[in-house]
Protein backbone atom coordinates (compact mmCIF):
# COMPACT_ATOMS: atom_id res chain seq x y z
CA MET A 1 -16.29 -15.16 25.32
CA HIS A 2 -13.64 -14.22 22.76
CA PHE A 3 -14.27 -12.60 19.38
CA ILE A 4 -12.45 -12.30 16.05
CA ASP A 5 -13.63 -9.98 13.28
CA PHE A 6 -12.61 -10.19 9.64
CA HIS A 7 -13.40 -6.66 8.45
CA ALA A 8 -13.35 -3.11 9.82
CA ASP A 9 -12.65 0.14 7.97
CA THR A 10 -11.25 1.95 11.01
CA LEU A 11 -7.82 2.62 9.48
CA ASN A 12 -9.46 4.39 6.56
CA ARG A 13 -11.40 6.69 8.89
CA LEU A 14 -8.37 7.50 11.00
CA PHE A 15 -6.06 7.98 8.00
CA TYR A 16 -8.27 10.34 6.03
CA GLN A 17 -9.32 12.32 9.11
CA GLU A 18 -5.89 12.48 10.75
CA GLY A 19 -5.50 15.58 12.88
CA SER A 20 -9.23 15.70 13.61
CA GLU A 21 -10.84 15.04 16.97
CA LEU A 22 -11.67 11.48 15.91
CA GLY A 23 -8.89 10.02 18.08
CA ASP A 24 -6.28 7.33 17.53
CA LEU A 25 -6.37 3.54 17.38
CA TRP A 26 -6.38 3.18 21.17
CA GLU A 27 -9.37 5.43 21.84
CA ASN A 28 -11.59 7.11 19.26
CA LYS A 29 -15.11 7.93 18.14
CA CYS A 30 -15.24 4.97 15.74
CA HIS A 31 -16.94 1.60 16.04
CA VAL A 32 -13.55 -0.01 16.67
CA SER A 33 -10.75 0.98 19.04
CA LEU A 34 -8.07 -1.01 20.81
CA LYS A 35 -9.63 -0.05 24.12
CA THR A 36 -13.05 -1.46 23.23
CA LEU A 37 -11.53 -4.51 21.52
CA GLN A 38 -9.66 -5.29 24.72
CA GLN A 39 -12.66 -4.66 26.96
CA SER A 40 -14.88 -6.88 24.79
CA GLY A 41 -12.55 -9.90 24.69
CA TYR A 42 -11.33 -9.73 21.09
CA THR A 43 -8.26 -11.78 20.32
CA ALA A 44 -7.91 -10.51 16.74
CA GLN A 45 -9.17 -7.80 14.40
CA MET A 46 -8.56 -7.62 10.68
CA PHE A 47 -7.97 -3.97 9.81
CA ALA A 48 -8.79 -3.14 6.18
CA CYS A 49 -6.74 -0.65 4.20
CA PHE A 50 -9.78 0.49 2.24
CA LEU A 51 -9.45 2.67 -0.88
CA ASN A 52 -12.13 4.35 -2.94
CA LEU A 53 -10.38 4.88 -6.27
CA LYS A 54 -12.91 7.56 -7.20
CA ARG A 55 -11.69 9.68 -4.30
CA PRO A 56 -8.55 11.85 -4.68
CA PRO A 57 -5.59 10.30 -2.87
CA ARG A 58 -4.16 11.98 0.19
CA LEU A 59 -0.48 11.15 -0.44
CA GLY A 60 -0.26 11.63 -4.20
CA SER A 61 -1.39 8.15 -5.30
CA HIS A 62 -3.81 5.52 -4.06
CA TYR A 63 -0.98 3.04 -3.64
CA GLN A 64 0.86 5.51 -1.40
CA ASP A 65 -2.34 5.87 0.62
CA VAL A 66 -2.36 2.11 1.21
CA LEU A 67 1.23 2.29 2.42
CA GLY A 68 0.22 5.25 4.58
CA MET A 69 -2.54 3.23 6.28
CA ILE A 70 -0.11 0.38 6.87
CA ASP A 71 2.35 2.84 8.41
CA LEU A 72 -0.42 4.27 10.58
CA PHE A 73 -1.19 0.83 11.97
CA ARG A 74 2.49 0.03 12.51
CA GLN A 75 3.05 3.32 14.36
CA GLN A 76 0.03 2.75 16.58
CA ALA A 77 1.05 -0.85 17.22
CA CYS A 78 4.46 0.35 18.38
CA GLU A 79 2.88 2.97 20.63
CA TYR A 80 0.46 0.45 22.15
CA GLU A 81 2.54 -2.72 21.87
CA ASP A 82 1.21 -3.98 25.18
CA LYS A 83 -2.30 -3.90 23.66
CA VAL A 84 -1.91 -4.91 20.00
CA ARG A 85 0.70 -6.55 17.77
CA PHE A 86 0.83 -7.30 14.09
CA ALA A 87 -0.05 -10.86 13.09
CA GLY A 88 0.85 -12.31 9.72
CA SER A 89 0.43 -16.01 10.45
CA PHE A 90 -1.27 -18.49 12.73
CA GLN A 91 1.91 -18.68 14.79
CA ASP A 92 1.88 -14.90 15.33
CA TYR A 93 -1.77 -15.07 16.37
CA ALA A 94 -1.20 -17.96 18.78
CA GLU A 95 1.77 -16.23 20.41
CA ASN A 96 -0.09 -12.93 20.76
CA LYS A 97 -3.08 -14.69 22.31
CA LYS A 98 -0.81 -16.51 24.75
CA GLN A 99 0.59 -13.15 25.86
CA GLY A 100 -2.85 -11.54 26.17
CA VAL A 101 -2.28 -9.14 23.26
CA ILE A 102 -4.76 -8.42 20.44
CA SER A 103 -3.61 -9.56 16.99
CA GLY A 104 -3.93 -6.96 14.26
CA PHE A 105 -4.10 -8.48 10.78
CA LEU A 106 -3.80 -6.16 7.77
CA THR A 107 -6.01 -6.52 4.71
CA LEU A 108 -6.49 -4.57 1.48
CA GLU A 109 -9.96 -3.64 0.25
CA GLU A 110 -9.47 -2.66 -3.41
CA GLY A 111 -7.09 -4.74 -5.48
CA GLY A 112 -7.10 -2.02 -8.13
CA VAL A 113 -4.19 -0.29 -6.40
CA LEU A 114 -1.93 -2.98 -7.89
CA GLU A 115 -2.32 -1.13 -11.22
CA ASN A 116 -1.15 -4.16 -13.26
CA ARG A 117 2.15 -4.28 -11.33
CA ILE A 118 2.55 -7.80 -9.99
CA GLU A 119 5.61 -6.85 -7.94
CA ARG A 120 3.36 -4.80 -5.68
CA LEU A 121 1.92 -8.04 -4.27
CA ASP A 122 5.35 -8.98 -2.96
CA GLU A 123 5.82 -5.52 -1.47
CA LEU A 124 2.40 -5.55 0.19
CA TYR A 125 3.04 -9.02 1.60
CA GLU A 126 6.35 -7.85 3.05
CA LYS A 127 4.58 -4.89 4.62
CA GLY A 128 2.01 -7.16 6.22
CA ILE A 129 -1.03 -7.47 3.94
CA ARG A 130 -2.51 -10.96 4.29
CA VAL A 131 -5.96 -10.64 2.65
CA ILE A 132 -6.97 -8.78 -0.52
CA ASN A 133 -10.47 -7.94 -1.76
CA MET A 134 -10.09 -8.51 -5.49
CA THR A 135 -12.43 -5.57 -6.13
CA TRP A 136 -14.45 -2.99 -4.24
CA ASN A 137 -17.40 -1.35 -6.02
CA HIS A 138 -15.73 -0.45 -9.31
CA GLU A 139 -14.11 -2.28 -12.21
CA ASN A 140 -10.35 -2.49 -11.73
CA CYS A 141 -7.28 -4.16 -13.21
CA LEU A 142 -8.21 -7.50 -11.59
CA GLY A 143 -11.85 -7.79 -12.56
CA TYR A 144 -15.38 -6.61 -11.96
CA PRO A 145 -17.42 -6.00 -8.81
CA HIS A 146 -20.82 -7.41 -7.91
CA CYS A 147 -22.58 -4.16 -8.80
CA ALA A 148 -21.06 -3.46 -12.22
CA ALA A 149 -23.58 -2.92 -15.02
CA GLN A 150 -22.94 -5.99 -17.11
CA SER A 151 -24.16 -6.73 -20.61
CA GLN A 152 -22.33 -10.06 -20.51
CA PRO A 153 -20.68 -12.16 -17.79
CA ARG A 154 -17.39 -10.67 -16.67
CA GLY A 155 -14.96 -12.42 -14.38
CA LEU A 156 -11.30 -11.92 -13.58
CA LYS A 157 -9.11 -10.23 -16.16
CA ALA A 158 -5.81 -11.72 -17.32
CA PHE A 159 -3.95 -9.71 -14.69
CA GLY A 160 -6.49 -10.83 -12.10
CA LEU A 161 -5.64 -14.46 -12.83
CA GLU A 162 -1.93 -13.68 -12.64
CA ALA A 163 -2.43 -11.90 -9.31
CA LEU A 164 -4.53 -14.76 -7.91
CA ASN A 165 -1.75 -17.21 -8.71
CA ARG A 166 0.87 -15.02 -7.02
CA MET A 167 -1.37 -14.48 -3.99
CA ASP A 168 -1.70 -18.26 -3.59
CA GLU A 169 2.10 -18.58 -3.76
CA LEU A 170 2.72 -15.83 -1.21
CA GLY A 171 0.00 -16.75 1.24
CA ILE A 172 -2.30 -13.77 0.63
CA ILE A 173 -5.93 -14.83 0.99
CA ALA A 174 -8.33 -14.00 -1.85
CA ASP A 175 -11.40 -12.20 -0.49
CA VAL A 176 -14.47 -12.68 -2.71
CA SER A 177 -16.74 -10.17 -0.95
CA HIS A 178 -17.59 -7.45 -3.52
CA LEU A 179 -16.50 -9.62 -6.45
CA SER A 180 -18.86 -10.39 -9.35
CA ASP A 181 -20.40 -13.86 -9.55
CA GLU A 182 -18.27 -14.61 -12.60
CA GLY A 183 -15.18 -13.42 -10.72
CA PHE A 184 -16.09 -15.76 -7.88
CA GLU A 185 -16.28 -18.61 -10.39
CA ASP A 186 -12.80 -17.76 -11.66
CA VAL A 187 -11.34 -17.63 -8.14
CA MET A 188 -12.79 -21.05 -7.38
CA ARG A 189 -11.73 -22.48 -10.76
CA TYR A 190 -8.19 -21.14 -10.95
CA GLY A 191 -7.22 -20.65 -7.30
CA ASN A 192 -6.03 -23.58 -5.25
CA ARG A 193 -6.27 -22.37 -1.64
CA PRO A 194 -9.12 -21.60 0.79
CA VAL A 195 -10.84 -18.26 0.27
CA MET A 196 -12.65 -15.75 2.45
CA ALA A 197 -15.81 -13.76 1.99
CA THR A 198 -14.87 -11.41 4.79
CA HIS A 199 -18.16 -9.49 5.00
CA SER A 200 -21.08 -11.08 3.12
CA ASN A 201 -24.41 -12.65 4.04
CA ALA A 202 -26.94 -15.08 2.51
CA ARG A 203 -28.54 -14.13 -0.80
CA ALA A 204 -31.41 -16.57 -0.21
CA LEU A 205 -32.57 -14.42 2.72
CA ARG A 206 -31.68 -11.00 1.31
CA PRO A 207 -31.45 -11.12 -2.51
CA VAL A 208 -28.78 -8.51 -3.14
CA SER A 209 -25.77 -9.37 -5.27
CA ARG A 210 -23.29 -8.49 -2.48
CA ASN A 211 -24.54 -11.56 -0.65
CA LEU A 212 -23.62 -15.18 -1.37
CA SER A 213 -25.81 -17.74 -3.10
CA ASP A 214 -26.28 -21.10 -1.44
CA ASP A 215 -23.99 -22.65 -4.05
CA MET A 216 -21.27 -20.11 -3.21
CA ILE A 217 -21.62 -20.86 0.51
CA ARG A 218 -21.23 -24.61 -0.13
CA ARG A 219 -18.22 -24.15 -2.37
CA ILE A 220 -16.45 -21.82 0.06
CA ALA A 221 -17.03 -24.43 2.78
CA ASP A 222 -15.87 -27.30 0.56
CA ARG A 223 -12.64 -25.39 -0.17
CA GLY A 224 -12.00 -24.94 3.57
CA GLY A 225 -12.82 -21.24 3.41
CA ILE A 226 -14.81 -18.99 5.71
CA ILE A 227 -17.52 -16.31 5.60
CA GLY A 228 -17.79 -13.23 7.83
CA LEU A 229 -21.30 -12.23 8.93
CA ASN A 230 -21.92 -8.64 7.81
CA PHE A 231 -23.90 -6.30 10.09
CA TYR A 232 -24.90 -3.83 7.34
CA SER A 233 -28.69 -3.54 7.30
CA ASP A 234 -29.13 -3.68 3.51
CA PHE A 235 -27.44 -7.09 3.43
CA LEU A 236 -29.75 -8.39 6.20
CA SER A 237 -33.30 -7.34 5.35
CA GLU A 238 -35.42 -4.47 4.07
CA ASP A 239 -35.28 -2.87 7.52
CA PRO A 240 -32.97 0.19 7.48
CA VAL A 241 -31.84 -0.72 11.01
CA SER A 242 -29.31 -3.52 11.56
CA ARG A 243 -31.19 -5.82 13.92
CA ILE A 244 -29.97 -8.84 15.89
CA PRO A 245 -32.80 -11.22 14.86
CA ASP A 246 -31.82 -10.69 11.21
CA LEU A 247 -28.18 -11.47 12.04
CA LEU A 248 -29.32 -14.72 13.66
CA ARG A 249 -31.43 -15.66 10.63
CA HIS A 250 -28.40 -15.31 8.37
CA CYS A 251 -26.24 -17.24 10.85
CA ARG A 252 -28.64 -20.17 10.85
CA HIS A 253 -29.01 -20.20 7.08
CA ILE A 254 -25.29 -20.06 6.35
CA ILE A 255 -24.42 -22.87 8.75
CA ASN A 256 -27.38 -24.96 7.51
CA ILE A 257 -25.99 -24.68 3.99
CA GLY A 258 -22.24 -24.71 4.58
CA GLY A 259 -21.85 -26.40 7.96
CA GLU A 260 -20.93 -25.14 11.41
CA GLU A 261 -17.29 -24.41 10.53
CA VAL A 262 -17.88 -21.97 7.65
CA LEU A 263 -19.09 -18.91 9.56
CA GLY A 264 -17.32 -16.16 11.49
CA ILE A 265 -17.85 -12.42 12.01
CA GLY A 266 -17.12 -9.70 9.45
CA ALA A 267 -19.17 -6.86 10.89
CA ASP A 268 -17.96 -4.10 8.52
CA PHE A 269 -17.71 -1.69 11.44
CA ASP A 270 -16.65 1.85 10.48
CA GLY A 271 -17.72 1.09 6.92
CA MET A 272 -21.34 2.16 7.39
CA ASP A 273 -23.32 5.03 8.83
CA ILE A 274 -26.58 3.39 9.88
CA GLU A 275 -28.44 2.55 13.06
CA LEU A 276 -27.09 -0.66 14.61
CA GLU A 277 -28.49 -2.70 17.47
CA ILE A 278 -24.88 -3.78 18.00
CA ASP A 279 -23.27 -0.34 17.85
CA GLY A 280 -19.59 -1.22 17.60
CA VAL A 281 -17.30 -3.72 19.27
CA LYS A 282 -18.24 -2.41 22.72
CA GLU A 283 -21.63 -4.12 22.25
CA ILE A 284 -20.55 -7.32 20.47
CA VAL A 285 -21.46 -9.45 23.49
CA LYS A 286 -25.09 -8.79 22.54
CA LEU A 287 -24.58 -11.16 19.60
CA ALA A 288 -23.29 -14.01 21.74
CA ASN A 289 -26.04 -13.48 24.31
CA ALA A 290 -28.70 -13.47 21.59
CA MET A 291 -27.31 -16.68 20.09
CA GLU A 292 -27.56 -18.46 23.42
CA ARG A 293 -31.11 -17.18 24.02
CA ASP A 294 -32.08 -18.33 20.53
CA GLY A 295 -30.95 -21.89 21.17
CA PHE A 296 -27.44 -21.85 19.74
CA SER A 297 -25.29 -24.26 21.73
CA GLU A 298 -22.32 -22.91 23.67
CA ARG A 299 -20.06 -24.76 21.25
CA LEU A 300 -21.71 -23.27 18.14
CA THR A 301 -21.64 -19.77 19.62
CA GLU A 302 -17.92 -20.10 20.29
CA LEU A 303 -17.30 -21.46 16.78
CA ILE A 304 -18.95 -18.46 15.16
CA CYS A 305 -17.49 -15.87 17.53
CA TYR A 306 -13.85 -16.97 17.30
CA ARG A 307 -12.98 -20.67 17.03
CA ASN A 308 -13.83 -21.02 13.33
CA ALA A 309 -11.57 -18.05 12.62
CA GLU A 310 -8.72 -19.60 14.61
CA ASN A 311 -9.17 -22.90 12.76
CA PHE A 312 -9.18 -21.09 9.42
CA PHE A 313 -5.94 -19.27 10.27
CA TYR A 314 -4.37 -22.63 11.03
CA ARG A 315 -5.72 -24.26 7.85
CA TYR A 316 -4.39 -21.47 5.68
CA TRP A 317 -1.09 -20.63 7.37
CA GLY A 318 -0.45 -23.53 9.74
CA ASP A 319 1.79 -25.46 7.40
CA SER A 320 4.17 -22.52 7.25
CA VAL A 321 4.80 -22.19 11.00
């Protein structure tokens, strides 16, 4: 079985703890490493350049920190080029898979680092960013997050709409995980390309605002977009432990609402410090095994684990190869 994951915060951990005993991208004490990705059959991992704008930057500015995380990935990819290579398109992914090399996609989690400078989108695209979370957990220059205290509905700001248009032109995917409901509405109203919710679950099963309503799930599917199943316990149930049966409940609900082609994996590894029944990519096969035991067909298990992701890459970038 192959696997593709839409969201991991590993670069953030390695970047901000550089020089520690944590390790490097090949082998480390994180949930995700190239060694465990390879051993577990991953064909691609999306590595998030995650920024907390409330935290002091390491390199003088938050934007420089993003560039620093990109450089860290590029350096590691050069060092381990027989294990991982950058992918910025479906063609890159297909060629890497053919050669037995893991594809590393780069994403940005916190659009606020654009700081109202539209030219930064072009620079980030040139440096390899292919997905951007419009917000993280704080209001920024693009819009408002799911958890903002709101006295009235707040969606994308004027610069957020400008950025969304430029992202569509460049081929940078809008990620609606973390975005407010009103921001989601604006992305769907004013954007014209498929979107991702890289790490979100079903609000009908776990009513927290970080999860997606059934209407959101349907509309993402209708647009040709995709959702990444999040392993974080608070988005699964009231249980403080991330448990496999809860993951399967969310899988079934999302595909019942949006269809079999809307769901992939967005575990959020290295973005949480909780107890996990699937403790990192080294144990991801537990998910596939549990799906099969629970009556998921071999075809559906493959769709969720990697084929839906491959098909999404082709839908979004295939015309440009």
